[in-house]
C-alpha atoms as a PDB file:
ATOM      1  CA  MET A   1      40.269  28.166  11.795  1.00  0.00           C
ATOM      2  CA  CYS A   2      38.409  25.450   9.918  1.00  0.00           C
ATOM      3  CA  LEU A   3      34.665  25.540   9.243  1.00  0.00           C
ATOM      4  CA  ILE A   4      32.891  22.549   7.797  1.00  0.00           C
ATOM      5  CA  PHE A   5      29.515  22.941   6.150  1.00  0.00           C
ATOM      6  CA  THR A   6      27.315  20.145   4.863  1.00  0.00           C
ATOM      7  CA  CYS A   7      24.842  20.450   2.029  1.00  0.00           C
ATOM      8  CA  GLY A   8      22.420  17.823   0.852  1.00  0.00           C
ATOM      9  CA  GLU A   9      18.864  16.865   0.022  1.00  0.00           C
ATOM     10  CA  HIS A  10      16.120  15.474   2.258  1.00  0.00           C
ATOM     11  CA  THR A  11      12.704  14.211   1.169  1.00  0.00           C
ATOM     12  CA  PHE A  12       9.678  14.550   3.423  1.00  0.00           C
ATOM     13  CA  ARG A  13       7.027  11.883   2.760  1.00  0.00           C
ATOM     14  CA  LYS A  14       3.407  11.352   3.810  1.00  0.00           C
ATOM     15  CA  GLU A  15       0.440   9.306   2.641  1.00  0.00           C
ATOM     16  CA  VAL A  16      -1.897  10.996   0.169  1.00  0.00           C
ATOM     17  CA  GLU A  17      -5.359  11.874   1.469  1.00  0.00           C
ATOM     18  CA  GLY A  18      -7.931   9.378   0.227  1.00  0.00           C
ATOM     19  CA  TYR A  19      -5.336   6.639  -0.225  1.00  0.00           C
ATOM     20  CA  GLU A  20      -4.556   6.051   3.471  1.00  0.00           C
ATOM     21  CA  GLY A  21      -3.970   2.385   4.261  1.00  0.00           C
ATOM     22  CA  LEU A  22      -4.280   1.381   0.599  1.00  0.00           C
ATOM     23  CA  VAL A  23      -1.907  -1.409  -0.416  1.00  0.00           C
ATOM     24  CA  CYS A  24      -1.349  -2.126  -4.090  1.00  0.00           C
ATOM     25  CA  ARG A  25       0.870  -4.348  -6.223  1.00  0.00           C
ATOM     26  CA  CYS A  26       4.353  -3.185  -7.158  1.00  0.00           C
ATOM     27  CA  TYR A  27       5.016  -3.506 -10.899  1.00  0.00           C
ATOM     28  CA  ASN A  28       8.741  -3.997 -10.290  1.00  0.00           C
ATOM     29  CA  CYS A  29       8.924  -6.849  -7.733  1.00  0.00           C
ATOM     30  CA  GLY A  30       5.308  -8.114  -7.865  1.00  0.00           C
ATOM     31  CA  ASN A  31       4.700  -7.901  -4.098  1.00  0.00           C
ATOM     32  CA  TYR A  32       1.606  -6.292  -2.605  1.00  0.00           C
ATOM     33  CA  SER A  33       3.591  -3.676  -0.692  1.00  0.00           C
ATOM     34  CA  GLY A  34       3.022  -0.472  -2.662  1.00  0.00           C
ATOM     35  CA  SER A  35       1.459   2.594  -1.077  1.00  0.00           C
ATOM     36  CA  VAL A  36       0.588   6.059  -2.379  1.00  0.00           C
ATOM     37  CA  ILE A  37       3.102   8.577  -1.037  1.00  0.00           C
ATOM     38  CA  LYS A  38       3.473  12.329  -1.580  1.00  0.00           C
ATOM     39  CA  SER A  39       7.140  13.407  -1.579  1.00  0.00           C
ATOM     40  CA  HIS A  40       8.488  16.913  -0.944  1.00  0.00           C
ATOM     41  CA  PRO A  41      12.252  17.192  -1.639  1.00  0.00           C
ATOM     42  CA  TRP A  42      14.228  19.984   0.105  1.00  0.00           C
ATOM     43  CA  PHE A  43      17.766  21.309  -0.210  1.00  0.00           C
ATOM     44  CA  THR A  44      19.452  21.190   3.222  1.00  0.00           C
ATOM     45  CA  PHE A  45      22.291  23.252   4.643  1.00  0.00           C
ATOM     46  CA  CYS A  46      23.848  21.887   7.839  1.00  0.00           C
ATOM     47  CA  PHE A  47      20.926  19.414   8.103  1.00  0.00           C
ATOM     48  CA  ILE A  48      18.361  22.263   8.053  1.00  0.00           C
ATOM     49  CA  PRO A  49      15.797  22.298   5.199  1.00  0.00           C
ATOM     50  CA  VAL A  50      16.310  25.609   3.401  1.00  0.00           C
ATOM     51  CA  ILE A  51      14.907  25.556  -0.149  1.00  0.00           C
ATOM     52  CA  PRO A  52      12.071  23.373  -1.475  1.00  0.00           C
ATOM     53  CA  LEU A  53      13.070  21.653  -4.706  1.00  0.00           C
ATOM     54  CA  SER A  54       9.445  21.141  -5.769  1.00  0.00           C
ATOM     55  CA  ILE A  55       6.448  23.420  -5.267  1.00  0.00           C
ATOM     56  CA  LYS A  56       3.651  20.814  -5.409  1.00  0.00           C
ATOM     57  CA  GLY A  57       5.574  17.644  -4.570  1.00  0.00           C
ATOM     58  CA  TYR A  58       5.268  14.283  -6.255  1.00  0.00           C
ATOM     59  CA  GLU A  59       2.529  11.671  -5.824  1.00  0.00           C
ATOM     60  CA  ASP A  60       4.038   8.236  -6.390  1.00  0.00           C
ATOM     61  CA  ILE A  61       3.345   4.568  -5.772  1.00  0.00           C
ATOM     62  CA  SER A  62       6.240   3.565  -3.521  1.00  0.00           C
ATOM     63  CA  CYS A  63       7.158  -0.057  -2.792  1.00  0.00           C
ATOM     64  CA  ARG A  64       8.323  -0.754   0.764  1.00  0.00           C
ATOM     65  CA  ILE A  65      10.365  -3.799  -0.309  1.00  0.00           C
ATOM     66  CA  CYS A  66      12.306  -2.791  -3.442  1.00  0.00           C
ATOM     67  CA  ASN A  67      11.918   1.052  -3.114  1.00  0.00           C
ATOM     68  CA  PHE A  68      10.602   1.285  -6.683  1.00  0.00           C
ATOM     69  CA  GLN A  69       8.583   4.447  -7.316  1.00  0.00           C
ATOM     70  CA  GLN A  70       6.081   5.017 -10.094  1.00  0.00           C
ATOM     71  CA  PRO A  71       4.020   8.180 -10.733  1.00  0.00           C
ATOM     72  CA  LEU A  72       0.406   7.875  -9.588  1.00  0.00           C
ATOM     73  CA  GLU A  73      -0.964   9.201 -12.891  1.00  0.00           C
ATOM     74  CA  HIS A  74       0.433   6.091 -14.651  1.00  0.00           C
ATOM     75  CA  ARG A  75      -1.530   3.705 -12.387  1.00  0.00           C
ATOM     76  CA  GLN A  76      -5.210   3.827 -13.349  1.00  0.00           C
ATOM     77  CA  ASP A  77      -5.942   0.716 -11.253  1.00  0.00           C
ATOM     78  CA  VAL A  78      -4.822   2.465  -8.059  1.00  0.00           C
ATOM     79  CA  GLN A  79      -6.685   5.671  -8.900  1.00  0.00           C
ATOM     80  CA  ALA A  80      -9.886   3.612  -9.215  1.00  0.00           C
ATOM     81  CA  MET A  81      -9.404   2.317  -5.638  1.00  0.00           C
ATOM     82  CA  ARG A  82      -9.345   5.809  -4.101  1.00  0.00           C
ATOM     83  CA  ARG A  83     -11.669   6.141  -1.102  1.00  0.00           C
ATOM     84  CA  GLY A  84     -14.402   8.712  -1.388  1.00  0.00           C
ATOM     85  CA  ALA A  85     -14.569   8.572  -5.183  1.00  0.00           C
ATOM     86  CA  ASP A  86     -18.267   8.199  -6.073  1.00  0.00           C
ATOM     87  CA  SER A  87     -18.892   7.291  -2.398  1.00  0.00           C
ATOM     88  CA  THR A  88     -17.823   3.679  -2.954  1.00  0.00           C
ATOM     89  CA  PRO A  89     -15.272   1.878  -0.801  1.00  0.00           C
ATOM     90  CA  GLY A  90     -11.744   1.395  -2.111  1.00  0.00           C
ATOM     91  CA  VAL A  91     -11.919  -2.402  -2.141  1.00  0.00           C
ATOM     92  CA  PRO A  92     -15.080  -4.137  -3.339  1.00  0.00           C
ATOM     93  CA  LEU A  93     -16.649  -6.164  -0.580  1.00  0.00           C
ATOM     94  CA  GLN A  94     -17.732  -9.771  -1.002  1.00  0.00           C
ATOM     95  CA  GLN A  95     -21.389  -9.963  -1.938  1.00  0.00           C
ATOM     96  CA  GLN A  96     -23.542 -11.819   0.559  1.00  0.00           C
ATOM     97  CA  PRO A  97     -25.976 -14.304  -0.960  1.00  0.00           C
ATOM     98  CA  SER A  98     -29.503 -13.010  -0.980  1.00  0.00           C
ATOM     99  CA  GLY A  99     -32.519 -15.070  -0.101  1.00  0.00           C
ATOM    100  CA  VAL A 100     -32.770 -17.869   2.432  1.00  0.00           C
ATOM    101  CA  PRO A 101     -29.699 -18.285   4.677  1.00  0.00           C
ATOM    102  CA  PRO A 102     -28.167 -21.779   4.637  1.00  0.00           C
ATOM    103  CA  GLN A 103     -29.429 -24.189   7.288  1.00  0.00           C
ATOM    104  CA  GLY A 104     -27.141 -26.025   9.680  1.00  0.00           C
ATOM    105  CA  PRO A 105     -23.669 -25.337  11.006  1.00  0.00           C
ATOM    106  CA  PRO A 106     -20.927 -23.765   8.875  1.00  0.00           C
ATOM    107  CA  GLN A 107     -18.888 -25.982   6.592  1.00  0.00           C
ATOM    108  CA  GLY A 108     -16.291 -28.073   8.389  1.00  0.00           C
ATOM    109  CA  TRP A 109     -18.220 -28.255  11.656  1.00  0.00           C
ATOM    110  CA  GLY A 110     -19.557 -31.539  12.889  1.00  0.00           C
ATOM    111  CA  GLN A 111     -16.857 -33.544  11.167  1.00  0.00           C
ATOM    112  CA  LYS A 112     -14.439 -35.643  13.131  1.00  0.00           C
ATOM    113  CA  ALA A 113     -11.018 -34.196  13.829  1.00  0.00           C
ATOM    114  CA  PRO A 114      -8.102 -35.504  11.782  1.00  0.00           C
ATOM    115  CA  GLU A 115      -6.062 -38.179  13.501  1.00  0.00           C
ATOM    116  CA  PRO A 116      -2.652 -36.897  14.587  1.00  0.00           C
ATOM    117  CA  ASN A 117       0.680 -38.214  13.268  1.00  0.00           C
ATOM    118  CA  GLN A 118      -0.758 -40.277  10.430  1.00  0.00           C
ATOM    119  CA  PRO A 119       1.470 -40.811   7.366  1.00  0.00           C
ATOM    120  CA  MET A 120       0.418 -39.082   4.158  1.00  0.00           C
ATOM    121  CA  GLN A 121      -1.690 -41.107   1.807  1.00  0.00           C
ATOM    122  CA  TYR A 122      -1.442 -40.581  -1.933  1.00  0.00           C
ATOM    123  CA  ARG A 123      -4.430 -41.703  -3.953  1.00  0.00           C
END
């Protein structure tokens, strides 16, 4: 009689509260595809999680493109973007000009349309 058992490790991941939907720059590849993820690694026996390998888990910046992970405590720029901190939004909004609103249609309106299939002109 032959019994085969498999052992391994599986990591459960979820977004950290307060950082949901936040996208930041990856320091490894330079793309804006990093997100704040909390990881909980578990030892598995026959594909069943049995023993947690970490009590508190790990909060990392994880890139979706190159899979680079960096601890959140090393990224002060991302910690400053956390929602709910000092009741300010995570991303600063564009300031609207105060005073008299501009008169007339928005820029680009009222001009004639470009003529199609014209060769490029270098000046």
